[in-house]
PDB file of N, CA and C in Angstrom:
ATOM      1  N   UNK A   1      -6.882  68.083 -43.309  1.00  0.00           N
ATOM      2  CA  UNK A   1      -6.014  67.144 -44.289  1.00  0.00           C
ATOM      3  C   UNK A   1      -4.644  67.236 -44.248  1.00  0.00           C
ATOM      4  N   UNK A   2      -4.288  66.283 -43.904  1.00  0.00           N
ATOM      5  CA  UNK A   2      -2.583  65.864 -43.934  1.00  0.00           C
ATOM      6  C   UNK A   2      -1.830  66.183 -45.352  1.00  0.00           C
ATOM      7  N   UNK A   3      -0.677  66.606 -45.339  1.00  0.00           N
ATOM      8  CA  UNK A   3      -0.068  66.703 -46.908  1.00  0.00           C
ATOM      9  C   UNK A   3       0.102  65.561 -47.032  1.00  0.00           C
ATOM     10  N   UNK A   4       0.214  65.161 -48.227  1.00  0.00           N
ATOM     11  CA  UNK A   4       0.583  63.639 -48.978  1.00  0.00           C
ATOM     12  C   UNK A   4       2.314  63.748 -49.142  1.00  0.00           C
ATOM     13  N   UNK A   5       2.809  62.841 -48.562  1.00  0.00           N
ATOM     14  CA  UNK A   5       4.434  62.832 -48.698  1.00  0.00           C
ATOM     15  C   UNK A   5       4.772  61.740 -49.228  1.00  0.00           C
ATOM     16  N   UNK A   6       6.160  61.674 -49.508  1.00  0.00           N
ATOM     17  CA  UNK A   6       6.601  60.331 -50.294  1.00  0.00           C
ATOM     18  C   UNK A   6       6.915  59.298 -49.396  1.00  0.00           C
ATOM     19  N   UNK A   7       6.388  58.071 -49.826  1.00  0.00           N
ATOM     20  CA  UNK A   7       6.829  56.732 -48.982  1.00  0.00           C
ATOM     21  C   UNK A   7       8.313  56.740 -48.760  1.00  0.00           C
ATOM     22  N   UNK A   8       8.481  56.349 -47.758  1.00  0.00           N
ATOM     23  CA  UNK A   8       9.913  55.746 -47.681  1.00  0.00           C
ATOM     24  C   UNK A   8      10.439  54.537 -48.054  1.00  0.00           C
ATOM     25  N   UNK A   9      11.473  54.317 -48.704  1.00  0.00           N
ATOM     26  CA  UNK A   9      11.975  53.475 -49.246  1.00  0.00           C
ATOM     27  C   UNK A   9      12.541  52.240 -48.365  1.00  0.00           C
ATOM     28  N   UNK A  10      12.246  51.094 -48.577  1.00  0.00           N
ATOM     29  CA  UNK A  10      12.801  49.881 -47.375  1.00  0.00           C
ATOM     30  C   UNK A  10      14.319  50.174 -47.598  1.00  0.00           C
ATOM     31  N   UNK A  11      14.775  50.332 -46.494  1.00  0.00           N
ATOM     32  CA  UNK A  11      16.475  49.945 -46.315  1.00  0.00           C
ATOM     33  C   UNK A  11      16.735  48.960 -46.737  1.00  0.00           C
ATOM     34  N   UNK A  12      17.626  48.657 -47.659  1.00  0.00           N
ATOM     35  CA  UNK A  12      18.462  47.306 -48.199  1.00  0.00           C
ATOM     36  C   UNK A  12      19.623  47.212 -47.302  1.00  0.00           C
ATOM     37  N   UNK A  13      20.084  46.023 -47.295  1.00  0.00           N
ATOM     38  CA  UNK A  13      21.492  45.932 -46.435  1.00  0.00           C
ATOM     39  C   UNK A  13      22.665  45.990 -47.482  1.00  0.00           C
ATOM     40  N   UNK A  14      23.470  46.748 -47.254  1.00  0.00           N
ATOM     41  CA  UNK A  14      24.401  47.058 -48.063  1.00  0.00           C
ATOM     42  C   UNK A  14      25.006  45.791 -48.953  1.00  0.00           C
ATOM     43  N   UNK A  15      25.120  44.622 -48.122  1.00  0.00           N
ATOM     44  CA  UNK A  15      25.813  43.405 -48.983  1.00  0.00           C
ATOM     45  C   UNK A  15      25.134  42.483 -49.310  1.00  0.00           C
ATOM     46  N   UNK A  16      23.745  42.869 -49.474  1.00  0.00           N
ATOM     47  CA  UNK A  16      22.728  42.067 -50.210  1.00  0.00           C
ATOM     48  C   UNK A  16      22.182  42.663 -51.259  1.00  0.00           C
ATOM     49  N   UNK A  17      23.040  42.757 -52.155  1.00  0.00           N
ATOM     50  CA  UNK A  17      22.789  43.249 -53.775  1.00  0.00           C
ATOM     51  C   UNK A  17      22.181  42.201 -54.354  1.00  0.00           C
ATOM     52  N   UNK A  18      21.008  42.347 -54.981  1.00  0.00           N
ATOM     53  CA  UNK A  18      20.661  41.110 -56.054  1.00  0.00           C
ATOM     54  C   UNK A  18      20.845  41.506 -57.272  1.00  0.00           C
ATOM     55  N   UNK A  19      21.394  40.557 -58.366  1.00  0.00           N
ATOM     56  CA  UNK A  19      21.776  40.894 -59.766  1.00  0.00           C
ATOM     57  C   UNK A  19      20.524  40.223 -60.394  1.00  0.00           C
ATOM     58  N   UNK A  20      20.006  41.059 -60.976  1.00  0.00           N
ATOM     59  CA  UNK A  20      18.840  40.847 -61.760  1.00  0.00           C
ATOM     60  C   UNK A  20      19.043  40.052 -62.955  1.00  0.00           C
ATOM     61  N   UNK A  21      20.017  40.373 -63.528  1.00  0.00           N
ATOM     62  CA  UNK A  21      20.595  39.784 -64.967  1.00  0.00           C
ATOM     63  C   UNK A  21      20.693  38.088 -64.821  1.00  0.00           C
ATOM     64  N   UNK A  22      19.968  37.533 -65.719  1.00  0.00           N
ATOM     65  CA  UNK A  22      20.549  36.000 -65.309  1.00  0.00           C
ATOM     66  C   UNK A  22      21.521  35.485 -66.399  1.00  0.00           C
ATOM     67  N   UNK A  23      22.321  34.711 -65.579  1.00  0.00           N
ATOM     68  CA  UNK A  23      23.627  34.007 -66.250  1.00  0.00           C
ATOM     69  C   UNK A  23      22.680  33.143 -67.749  1.00  0.00           C
ATOM     70  N   UNK A  24      23.697  33.196 -68.757  1.00  0.00           N
ATOM     71  CA  UNK A  24      22.787  32.168 -69.972  1.00  0.00           C
ATOM     72  C   UNK A  24      23.118  30.789 -69.418  1.00  0.00           C
ATOM     73  N   UNK A  25      22.196  30.098 -69.493  1.00  0.00           N
ATOM     74  CA  UNK A  25      22.292  28.918 -69.166  1.00  0.00           C
ATOM     75  C   UNK A  25      23.116  27.923 -70.327  1.00  0.00           C
ATOM     76  N   UNK A  26      23.739  26.950 -69.794  1.00  0.00           N
ATOM     77  CA  UNK A  26      25.353  26.217 -70.414  1.00  0.00           C
ATOM     78  C   UNK A  26      24.393  25.011 -71.392  1.00  0.00           C
ATOM     79  N   UNK A  27      23.476  24.635 -70.889  1.00  0.00           N
ATOM     80  CA  UNK A  27      22.734  23.613 -71.559  1.00  0.00           C
ATOM     81  C   UNK A  27      21.551  23.752 -72.085  1.00  0.00           C
ATOM     82  N   UNK A  28      20.581  23.034 -72.366  1.00  0.00           N
ATOM     83  CA  UNK A  28      19.120  23.378 -72.786  1.00  0.00           C
ATOM     84  C   UNK A  28      18.457  23.728 -71.806  1.00  0.00           C
ATOM     85  N   UNK A  29      17.431  24.662 -71.854  1.00  0.00           N
ATOM     86  CA  UNK A  29      16.523  25.114 -71.133  1.00  0.00           C
ATOM     87  C   UNK A  29      15.144  24.805 -71.479  1.00  0.00           C
ATOM     88  N   UNK A  30      14.143  24.935 -70.556  1.00  0.00           N
ATOM     89  CA  UNK A  30      12.755  24.758 -71.006  1.00  0.00           C
ATOM     90  C   UNK A  30      11.986  26.304 -70.073  1.00  0.00           C
ATOM     91  N   UNK A  31      11.190  26.795 -71.165  1.00  0.00           N
ATOM     92  CA  UNK A  31      10.396  28.281 -70.637  1.00  0.00           C
ATOM     93  C   UNK A  31       8.950  27.942 -70.941  1.00  0.00           C
ATOM     94  N   UNK A  32       8.601  27.954 -69.668  1.00  0.00           N
ATOM     95  CA  UNK A  32       6.853  27.986 -69.538  1.00  0.00           C
ATOM     96  C   UNK A  32       6.516  29.380 -69.375  1.00  0.00           C
ATOM     97  N   UNK A  33       5.664  29.606 -70.173  1.00  0.00           N
ATOM     98  CA  UNK A  33       5.190  31.117 -70.525  1.00  0.00           C
ATOM     99  C   UNK A  33       3.670  30.921 -70.177  1.00  0.00           C
ATOM    100  N   UNK A  34       3.305  31.364 -69.140  1.00  0.00           N
ATOM    101  CA  UNK A  34       1.702  30.895 -68.777  1.00  0.00           C
ATOM    102  C   UNK A  34       1.122  32.210 -68.127  1.00  0.00           C
ATOM    103  N   UNK A  35      -0.299  32.378 -68.107  1.00  0.00           N
ATOM    104  CA  UNK A  35      -1.025  33.567 -67.756  1.00  0.00           C
ATOM    105  C   UNK A  35      -0.919  33.340 -66.412  1.00  0.00           C
ATOM    106  N   UNK A  36      -1.455  34.561 -65.971  1.00  0.00           N
ATOM    107  CA  UNK A  36      -1.417  34.756 -64.292  1.00  0.00           C
ATOM    108  C   UNK A  36      -2.347  34.326 -63.389  1.00  0.00           C
ATOM    109  N   UNK A  37      -3.170  33.682 -64.184  1.00  0.00           N
ATOM    110  CA  UNK A  37      -4.379  33.036 -63.370  1.00  0.00           C
ATOM    111  C   UNK A  37      -4.247  31.784 -62.501  1.00  0.00           C
ATOM    112  N   UNK A  38      -4.813  31.359 -61.638  1.00  0.00           N
ATOM    113  CA  UNK A  38      -4.399  30.463 -60.689  1.00  0.00           C
ATOM    114  C   UNK A  38      -4.069  29.153 -61.340  1.00  0.00           C
ATOM    115  N   UNK A  39      -5.536  28.791 -62.084  1.00  0.00           N
ATOM    116  CA  UNK A  39      -5.405  27.625 -62.817  1.00  0.00           C
ATOM    117  C   UNK A  39      -4.250  27.292 -63.947  1.00  0.00           C
ATOM    118  N   UNK A  40      -3.938  28.658 -64.591  1.00  0.00           N
ATOM    119  CA  UNK A  40      -2.558  28.562 -65.345  1.00  0.00           C
ATOM    120  C   UNK A  40      -1.163  28.078 -64.604  1.00  0.00           C
ATOM    121  N   UNK A  41      -1.253  28.935 -63.389  1.00  0.00           N
ATOM    122  CA  UNK A  41       0.152  28.837 -62.542  1.00  0.00           C
ATOM    123  C   UNK A  41       0.084  27.412 -61.691  1.00  0.00           C
ATOM    124  N   UNK A  42      -1.114  26.879 -61.553  1.00  0.00           N
ATOM    125  CA  UNK A  42      -1.043  25.719 -60.754  1.00  0.00           C
ATOM    126  C   UNK A  42      -0.582  24.452 -62.036  1.00  0.00           C
ATOM    127  N   UNK A  43      -1.114  24.705 -63.644  1.00  0.00           N
ATOM    128  CA  UNK A  43      -0.830  23.692 -64.311  1.00  0.00           C
ATOM    129  C   UNK A  43       0.699  23.770 -64.660  1.00  0.00           C
ATOM    130  N   UNK A  44       1.224  24.982 -64.652  1.00  0.00           N
ATOM    131  CA  UNK A  44       2.754  25.282 -65.410  1.00  0.00           C
ATOM    132  C   UNK A  44       3.241  24.713 -64.053  1.00  0.00           C
ATOM    133  N   UNK A  45       2.987  25.010 -62.715  1.00  0.00           N
ATOM    134  CA  UNK A  45       3.791  24.250 -61.548  1.00  0.00           C
ATOM    135  C   UNK A  45       4.050  22.621 -62.054  1.00  0.00           C
ATOM    136  N   UNK A  46       2.856  22.295 -61.993  1.00  0.00           N
ATOM    137  CA  UNK A  46       2.812  20.755 -62.024  1.00  0.00           C
ATOM    138  C   UNK A  46       3.769  20.083 -63.204  1.00  0.00           C
ATOM    139  N   UNK A  47       3.576  20.981 -64.366  1.00  0.00           N
ATOM    140  CA  UNK A  47       4.530  20.613 -65.539  1.00  0.00           C
ATOM    141  C   UNK A  47       5.891  20.599 -65.260  1.00  0.00           C
ATOM    142  N   UNK A  48       6.142  21.903 -64.411  1.00  0.00           N
ATOM    143  CA  UNK A  48       7.619  22.100 -64.175  1.00  0.00           C
ATOM    144  C   UNK A  48       8.257  21.163 -63.348  1.00  0.00           C
ATOM    145  N   UNK A  49       7.371  20.826 -62.416  1.00  0.00           N
ATOM    146  CA  UNK A  49       7.942  19.741 -61.361  1.00  0.00           C
ATOM    147  C   UNK A  49       8.127  18.099 -62.151  1.00  0.00           C
ATOM    148  N   UNK A  50       6.907  18.090 -63.158  1.00  0.00           N
ATOM    149  CA  UNK A  50       7.188  16.637 -63.881  1.00  0.00           C
ATOM    150  C   UNK A  50       8.413  16.664 -64.706  1.00  0.00           C
ATOM    151  N   UNK A  51       8.743  17.764 -65.316  1.00  0.00           N
ATOM    152  CA  UNK A  51       9.722  17.837 -66.045  1.00  0.00           C
ATOM    153  C   UNK A  51      11.116  17.706 -65.402  1.00  0.00           C
ATOM    154  N   UNK A  52      11.127  18.495 -64.164  1.00  0.00           N
ATOM    155  CA  UNK A  52      12.397  18.329 -63.292  1.00  0.00           C
ATOM    156  C   UNK A  52      12.778  16.884 -62.724  1.00  0.00           C
ATOM    157  N   UNK A  53      11.303  16.353 -62.387  1.00  0.00           N
ATOM    158  CA  UNK A  53      11.389  14.640 -61.921  1.00  0.00           C
ATOM    159  C   UNK A  53      12.140  14.003 -63.246  1.00  0.00           C
ATOM    160  N   UNK A  54      11.912  14.105 -64.445  1.00  0.00           N
ATOM    161  CA  UNK A  54      12.251  13.450 -65.898  1.00  0.00           C
ATOM    162  C   UNK A  54      13.652  13.598 -66.571  1.00  0.00           C
ATOM    163  N   UNK A  55      13.848  15.055 -66.026  1.00  0.00           N
ATOM    164  CA  UNK A  55      15.603  15.422 -66.276  1.00  0.00           C
ATOM    165  C   UNK A  55      16.045  16.377 -65.404  1.00  0.00           C
ATOM    166  N   UNK A  56      16.411  15.930 -64.578  1.00  0.00           N
ATOM    167  CA  UNK A  56      16.752  17.112 -63.075  1.00  0.00           C
ATOM    168  C   UNK A  56      17.929  17.961 -63.386  1.00  0.00           C
ATOM    169  N   UNK A  57      18.728  17.625 -64.290  1.00  0.00           N
ATOM    170  CA  UNK A  57      19.697  18.418 -65.137  1.00  0.00           C
ATOM    171  C   UNK A  57      19.291  19.773 -66.405  1.00  0.00           C
ATOM    172  N   UNK A  58      18.058  19.630 -66.396  1.00  0.00           N
ATOM    173  CA  UNK A  58      17.151  20.520 -67.265  1.00  0.00           C
ATOM    174  C   UNK A  58      16.479  21.737 -66.387  1.00  0.00           C
ATOM    175  N   UNK A  59      16.822  22.806 -67.024  1.00  0.00           N
ATOM    176  CA  UNK A  59      16.674  24.144 -66.406  1.00  0.00           C
ATOM    177  C   UNK A  59      15.487  24.551 -66.880  1.00  0.00           C
ATOM    178  N   UNK A  60      14.228  25.041 -65.921  1.00  0.00           N
ATOM    179  CA  UNK A  60      13.095  25.049 -66.235  1.00  0.00           C
ATOM    180  C   UNK A  60      12.777  26.508 -65.808  1.00  0.00           C
ATOM    181  N   UNK A  61      12.431  27.222 -66.709  1.00  0.00           N
ATOM    182  CA  UNK A  61      11.873  29.038 -66.147  1.00  0.00           C
ATOM    183  C   UNK A  61      10.361  28.973 -66.253  1.00  0.00           C
ATOM    184  N   UNK A  62      10.109  29.870 -65.765  1.00  0.00           N
ATOM    185  CA  UNK A  62       8.642  29.947 -65.726  1.00  0.00           C
ATOM    186  C   UNK A  62       8.332  31.231 -65.904  1.00  0.00           C
ATOM    187  N   UNK A  63       7.616  32.330 -66.700  1.00  0.00           N
ATOM    188  CA  UNK A  63       7.454  33.475 -66.898  1.00  0.00           C
ATOM    189  C   UNK A  63       8.661  34.243 -66.776  1.00  0.00           C
ATOM    190  N   UNK A  64       9.867  34.139 -67.743  1.00  0.00           N
ATOM    191  CA  UNK A  64      10.955  34.910 -67.577  1.00  0.00           C
ATOM    192  C   UNK A  64      10.566  36.543 -67.945  1.00  0.00           C
ATOM    193  N   UNK A  65       9.607  36.818 -68.853  1.00  0.00           N
ATOM    194  CA  UNK A  65       9.207  38.155 -69.031  1.00  0.00           C
ATOM    195  C   UNK A  65       7.601  38.109 -69.040  1.00  0.00           C
ATOM    196  N   UNK A  66       6.848  39.254 -69.145  1.00  0.00           N
ATOM    197  CA  UNK A  66       5.542  39.307 -68.937  1.00  0.00           C
ATOM    198  C   UNK A  66       4.453  38.515 -69.862  1.00  0.00           C
ATOM    199  N   UNK A  67       3.992  37.754 -69.145  1.00  0.00           N
ATOM    200  CA  UNK A  67       2.970  36.759 -70.215  1.00  0.00           C
ATOM    201  C   UNK A  67       2.072  37.315 -70.791  1.00  0.00           C
ATOM    202  N   UNK A  68       1.299  36.790 -71.922  1.00  0.00           N
ATOM    203  CA  UNK A  68       0.411  37.272 -72.419  1.00  0.00           C
ATOM    204  C   UNK A  68      -0.874  36.749 -71.945  1.00  0.00           C
ATOM    205  N   UNK A  69      -1.745  37.531 -72.007  1.00  0.00           N
ATOM    206  CA  UNK A  69      -3.162  37.153 -71.525  1.00  0.00           C
ATOM    207  C   UNK A  69      -3.717  35.684 -72.158  1.00  0.00           C
ATOM    208  N   UNK A  70      -4.149  34.686 -71.386  1.00  0.00           N
ATOM    209  CA  UNK A  70      -4.698  33.374 -71.816  1.00  0.00           C
ATOM    210  C   UNK A  70      -3.625  32.453 -72.452  1.00  0.00           C
ATOM    211  N   UNK A  71      -2.255  32.629 -72.260  1.00  0.00           N
ATOM    212  CA  UNK A  71      -1.436  31.927 -72.747  1.00  0.00           C
ATOM    213  C   UNK A  71      -0.548  30.688 -72.006  1.00  0.00           C
ATOM    214  N   UNK A  72      -0.313  29.610 -72.686  1.00  0.00           N
ATOM    215  CA  UNK A  72       0.519  28.660 -71.850  1.00  0.00           C
ATOM    216  C   UNK A  72       1.142  27.906 -73.177  1.00  0.00           C
ATOM    217  N   UNK A  73       2.314  28.423 -72.896  1.00  0.00           N
ATOM    218  CA  UNK A  73       3.120  27.669 -73.850  1.00  0.00           C
ATOM    219  C   UNK A  73       4.662  27.271 -73.266  1.00  0.00           C
ATOM    220  N   UNK A  74       5.497  26.285 -73.982  1.00  0.00           N
ATOM    221  CA  UNK A  74       6.479  25.539 -73.506  1.00  0.00           C
ATOM    222  C   UNK A  74       7.263  25.537 -74.913  1.00  0.00           C
ATOM    223  N   UNK A  75       8.519  26.187 -74.156  1.00  0.00           N
ATOM    224  CA  UNK A  75       9.415  26.497 -75.520  1.00  0.00           C
ATOM    225  C   UNK A  75      10.846  25.860 -74.894  1.00  0.00           C
ATOM    226  N   UNK A  76      11.553  25.399 -75.938  1.00  0.00           N
ATOM    227  CA  UNK A  76      13.064  24.818 -75.438  1.00  0.00           C
ATOM    228  C   UNK A  76      13.955  25.509 -76.034  1.00  0.00           C
ATOM    229  N   UNK A  77      14.703  26.388 -75.492  1.00  0.00           N
ATOM    230  CA  UNK A  77      16.017  27.175 -75.357  1.00  0.00           C
ATOM    231  C   UNK A  77      17.324  26.161 -75.868  1.00  0.00           C
ATOM    232  N   UNK A  78      17.867  26.206 -76.989  1.00  0.00           N
ATOM    233  CA  UNK A  78      18.574  25.476 -77.341  1.00  0.00           C
ATOM    234  C   UNK A  78      20.011  26.384 -76.711  1.00  0.00           C
ATOM    235  N   UNK A  79      21.381  25.445 -76.656  1.00  0.00           N
ATOM    236  CA  UNK A  79      22.490  26.199 -76.175  1.00  0.00           C
ATOM    237  C   UNK A  79      22.791  26.965 -77.192  1.00  0.00           C
ATOM    238  N   UNK A  80      22.779  26.847 -78.636  1.00  0.00           N
ATOM    239  CA  UNK A  80      23.247  27.645 -79.695  1.00  0.00           C
ATOM    240  C   UNK A  80      22.391  29.076 -79.913  1.00  0.00           C
ATOM    241  N   UNK A  81      21.485  29.344 -78.942  1.00  0.00           N
ATOM    242  CA  UNK A  81      20.484  30.442 -79.248  1.00  0.00           C
ATOM    243  C   UNK A  81      19.184  30.242 -79.693  1.00  0.00           C
ATOM    244  N   UNK A  82      19.060  29.381 -80.628  1.00  0.00           N
ATOM    245  CA  UNK A  82      17.696  29.184 -81.004  1.00  0.00           C
ATOM    246  C   UNK A  82      16.732  28.359 -80.382  1.00  0.00           C
ATOM    247  N   UNK A  83      15.531  28.288 -80.614  1.00  0.00           N
ATOM    248  CA  UNK A  83      14.327  27.800 -79.951  1.00  0.00           C
ATOM    249  C   UNK A  83      13.567  27.114 -80.472  1.00  0.00           C
ATOM    250  N   UNK A  84      12.816  25.799 -80.006  1.00  0.00           N
ATOM    251  CA  UNK A  84      11.820  25.315 -80.716  1.00  0.00           C
ATOM    252  C   UNK A  84      10.300  25.199 -79.526  1.00  0.00           C
ATOM    253  N   UNK A  85       9.378  25.218 -80.418  1.00  0.00           N
ATOM    254  CA  UNK A  85       7.956  25.504 -79.650  1.00  0.00           C
ATOM    255  C   UNK A  85       7.606  23.886 -79.533  1.00  0.00           C
ATOM    256  N   UNK A  86       7.379  23.644 -78.152  1.00  0.00           N
ATOM    257  CA  UNK A  86       7.222  22.119 -77.828  1.00  0.00           C
ATOM    258  C   UNK A  86       5.409  22.313 -77.651  1.00  0.00           C
ATOM    259  N   UNK A  87       5.208  23.065 -77.035  1.00  0.00           N
ATOM    260  CA  UNK A  87       3.455  22.843 -77.019  1.00  0.00           C
ATOM    261  C   UNK A  87       2.924  24.434 -76.821  1.00  0.00           C
ATOM    262  N   UNK A  88       1.767  24.855 -77.510  1.00  0.00           N
ATOM    263  CA  UNK A  88       1.183  25.916 -77.341  1.00  0.00           C
ATOM    264  C   UNK A  88      -0.471  25.622 -77.101  1.00  0.00           C
ATOM    265  N   UNK A  89      -0.735  26.557 -76.222  1.00  0.00           N
ATOM    266  CA  UNK A  89      -2.161  26.566 -76.025  1.00  0.00           C
ATOM    267  C   UNK A  89      -3.064  27.614 -76.219  1.00  0.00           C
ATOM    268  N   UNK A  90      -2.509  28.507 -76.912  1.00  0.00           N
ATOM    269  CA  UNK A  90      -3.186  29.639 -77.170  1.00  0.00           C
ATOM    270  C   UNK A  90      -4.479  29.393 -77.915  1.00  0.00           C
ATOM    271  N   UNK A  91      -4.162  28.815 -79.081  1.00  0.00           N
ATOM    272  CA  UNK A  91      -5.590  28.576 -79.887  1.00  0.00           C
ATOM    273  C   UNK A  91      -6.231  27.523 -79.595  1.00  0.00           C
ATOM    274  N   UNK A  92      -6.322  26.840 -78.702  1.00  0.00           N
ATOM    275  CA  UNK A  92      -6.948  25.585 -78.207  1.00  0.00           C
ATOM    276  C   UNK A  92      -8.155  26.020 -77.041  1.00  0.00           C
ATOM    277  N   UNK A  93      -9.117  25.215 -76.886  1.00  0.00           N
ATOM    278  CA  UNK A  93      -9.708  25.274 -76.012  1.00  0.00           C
ATOM    279  C   UNK A  93     -11.330  26.307 -76.809  1.00  0.00           C
ATOM    280  N   UNK A  94     -12.499  26.408 -75.883  1.00  0.00           N
ATOM    281  CA  UNK A  94     -12.747  25.886 -74.768  1.00  0.00           C
ATOM    282  C   UNK A  94     -12.885  24.475 -75.153  1.00  0.00           C
ATOM    283  N   UNK A  95     -13.099  23.610 -74.189  1.00  0.00           N
ATOM    284  CA  UNK A  95     -12.940  23.962 -72.663  1.00  0.00           C
ATOM    285  C   UNK A  95     -11.576  24.357 -72.321  1.00  0.00           C
ATOM    286  N   UNK A  96     -11.370  24.666 -71.258  1.00  0.00           N
ATOM    287  CA  UNK A  96      -9.911  25.510 -71.029  1.00  0.00           C
ATOM    288  C   UNK A  96      -8.888  24.539 -70.790  1.00  0.00           C
ATOM    289  N   UNK A  97      -9.290  23.330 -70.284  1.00  0.00           N
ATOM    290  CA  UNK A  97      -8.346  22.089 -69.837  1.00  0.00           C
ATOM    291  C   UNK A  97      -7.609  21.527 -71.319  1.00  0.00           C
ATOM    292  N   UNK A  98      -8.217  21.907 -72.274  1.00  0.00           N
ATOM    293  CA  UNK A  98      -7.242  21.482 -73.872  1.00  0.00           C
ATOM    294  C   UNK A  98      -6.348  22.640 -73.900  1.00  0.00           C
ATOM    295  N   UNK A  99      -5.948  23.674 -73.229  1.00  0.00           N
ATOM    296  CA  UNK A  99      -5.050  24.452 -73.491  1.00  0.00           C
ATOM    297  C   UNK A  99      -3.559  23.984 -72.630  1.00  0.00           C
ATOM    298  N   UNK A 100      -3.713  22.815 -71.609  1.00  0.00           N
ATOM    299  CA  UNK A 100      -2.581  22.671 -70.988  1.00  0.00           C
ATOM    300  C   UNK A 100      -2.356  20.834 -71.319  1.00  0.00           C
ATOM    301  N   UNK A 101      -0.730  20.655 -71.552  1.00  0.00           N
ATOM    302  CA  UNK A 101      -0.665  19.408 -72.200  1.00  0.00           C
ATOM    303  C   UNK A 101      -0.355  18.484 -70.523  1.00  0.00           C
ATOM    304  N   UNK A 102      -0.505  17.194 -71.223  1.00  0.00           N
ATOM    305  CA  UNK A 102      -0.614  16.112 -69.826  1.00  0.00           C
ATOM    306  C   UNK A 102       0.981  16.112 -69.805  1.00  0.00           C
ATOM    307  N   UNK A 103       1.920  16.112 -68.737  1.00  0.00           N
ATOM    308  CA  UNK A 103       3.109  15.745 -68.422  1.00  0.00           C
ATOM    309  C   UNK A 103       3.593  14.534 -69.171  1.00  0.00           C
ATOM    310  N   UNK A 104       2.847  13.377 -69.417  1.00  0.00           N
ATOM    311  CA  UNK A 104       3.317  12.456 -69.934  1.00  0.00           C
ATOM    312  C   UNK A 104       3.100  12.438 -71.508  1.00  0.00           C
ATOM    313  N   UNK A 105       2.561  13.510 -71.872  1.00  0.00           N
ATOM    314  CA  UNK A 105       2.249  13.878 -73.257  1.00  0.00           C
ATOM    315  C   UNK A 105       3.791  14.400 -74.250  1.00  0.00           C
ATOM    316  N   UNK A 106       4.028  15.517 -73.329  1.00  0.00           N
ATOM    317  CA  UNK A 106       5.337  16.188 -73.390  1.00  0.00           C
ATOM    318  C   UNK A 106       6.527  15.519 -73.074  1.00  0.00           C
ATOM    319  N   UNK A 107       7.354  14.818 -73.741  1.00  0.00           N
ATOM    320  CA  UNK A 107       8.491  14.298 -73.327  1.00  0.00           C
ATOM    321  C   UNK A 107       9.337  14.944 -73.900  1.00  0.00           C
ATOM    322  N   UNK A 108       9.850  16.187 -73.060  1.00  0.00           N
ATOM    323  CA  UNK A 108      10.754  17.181 -73.438  1.00  0.00           C
ATOM    324  C   UNK A 108      12.500  16.072 -73.154  1.00  0.00           C
ATOM    325  N   UNK A 109      12.664  15.406 -72.271  1.00  0.00           N
ATOM    326  CA  UNK A 109      13.787  14.953 -72.321  1.00  0.00           C
ATOM    327  C   UNK A 109      13.923  14.110 -73.514  1.00  0.00           C
ATOM    328  N   UNK A 110      13.072  13.679 -74.292  1.00  0.00           N
ATOM    329  CA  UNK A 110      13.376  12.728 -75.533  1.00  0.00           C
ATOM    330  C   UNK A 110      13.782  13.763 -76.788  1.00  0.00           C
ATOM    331  N   UNK A 111      12.850  14.813 -76.714  1.00  0.00           N
ATOM    332  CA  UNK A 111      12.964  15.902 -77.325  1.00  0.00           C
ATOM    333  C   UNK A 111      14.063  16.794 -77.467  1.00  0.00           C
ATOM    334  N   UNK A 112      14.719  16.869 -76.421  1.00  0.00           N
ATOM    335  CA  UNK A 112      15.869  17.323 -76.023  1.00  0.00           C
ATOM    336  C   UNK A 112      17.171  16.539 -76.701  1.00  0.00           C
ATOM    337  N   UNK A 113      17.112  15.228 -76.083  1.00  0.00           N
ATOM    338  CA  UNK A 113      17.903  14.275 -76.456  1.00  0.00           C
ATOM    339  C   UNK A 113      18.036  14.063 -78.077  1.00  0.00           C
ATOM    340  N   UNK A 114      16.781  13.859 -78.830  1.00  0.00           N
ATOM    341  CA  UNK A 114      17.087  13.960 -80.265  1.00  0.00           C
ATOM    342  C   UNK A 114      17.832  14.912 -80.903  1.00  0.00           C
ATOM    343  N   UNK A 115      17.199  16.061 -80.417  1.00  0.00           N
ATOM    344  CA  UNK A 115      17.799  17.708 -80.903  1.00  0.00           C
ATOM    345  C   UNK A 115      19.452  17.410 -80.984  1.00  0.00           C
ATOM    346  N   UNK A 116      19.788  17.260 -79.659  1.00  0.00           N
ATOM    347  CA  UNK A 116      21.186  17.420 -79.144  1.00  0.00           C
ATOM    348  C   UNK A 116      22.004  16.386 -79.940  1.00  0.00           C
ATOM    349  N   UNK A 117      21.420  14.750 -80.596  1.00  0.00           N
ATOM    350  CA  UNK A 117      22.154  14.018 -80.958  1.00  0.00           C
ATOM    351  C   UNK A 117      22.284  13.909 -82.440  1.00  0.00           C
ATOM    352  N   UNK A 118      21.135  14.657 -83.068  1.00  0.00           N
ATOM    353  CA  UNK A 118      21.218  15.276 -84.354  1.00  0.00           C
ATOM    354  C   UNK A 118      22.347  16.214 -84.801  1.00  0.00           C
ATOM    355  N   UNK A 119      22.439  17.056 -83.580  1.00  0.00           N
ATOM    356  CA  UNK A 119      23.382  18.207 -83.715  1.00  0.00           C
ATOM    357  C   UNK A 119      25.091  17.915 -83.433  1.00  0.00           C
ATOM    358  N   UNK A 120      25.450  16.589 -82.884  1.00  0.00           N
ATOM    359  CA  UNK A 120      26.645  16.365 -82.640  1.00  0.00           C
ATOM    360  C   UNK A 120      26.881  16.787 -81.214  1.00  0.00           C
ATOM    361  N   UNK A 121      25.711  17.146 -80.491  1.00  0.00           N
ATOM    362  CA  UNK A 121      26.074  17.159 -78.903  1.00  0.00           C
ATOM    363  C   UNK A 121      25.595  16.196 -77.984  1.00  0.00           C
ATOM    364  N   UNK A 122      25.638  16.026 -76.908  1.00  0.00           N
ATOM    365  CA  UNK A 122      25.351  15.351 -75.543  1.00  0.00           C
ATOM    366  C   UNK A 122      24.640  16.409 -74.809  1.00  0.00           C
ATOM    367  N   UNK A 123      23.596  15.477 -74.115  1.00  0.00           N
ATOM    368  CA  UNK A 123      22.896  16.246 -73.080  1.00  0.00           C
ATOM    369  C   UNK A 123      23.699  16.055 -71.725  1.00  0.00           C
TER     370      UNK A 123
END
């Protein structure tokens, strides 16, 4: 039996260094946390695309950290650092389709606009 050695690491180009730290968003952002199942990912991608079509200036992040099992949550991150939960599907279902919001049902730009107007800011 051959001795087990260490695997070689892939050689990285010296100029292509990737900065893993994210820059803070200047405006409001929406975070979609979803389970790693295909169905959850498909629904998260559809919701993200619908939000981008409604408000192209709105930053949409998907799973910035490790998601919880069976989770589907949509959170609004405000510029002042606070957050507001727009949708949670954790306690919903079965059937599983109840865990996901309809893109028309989740009017994030209206929610963002109402929040900003209430606090003297513009979108």
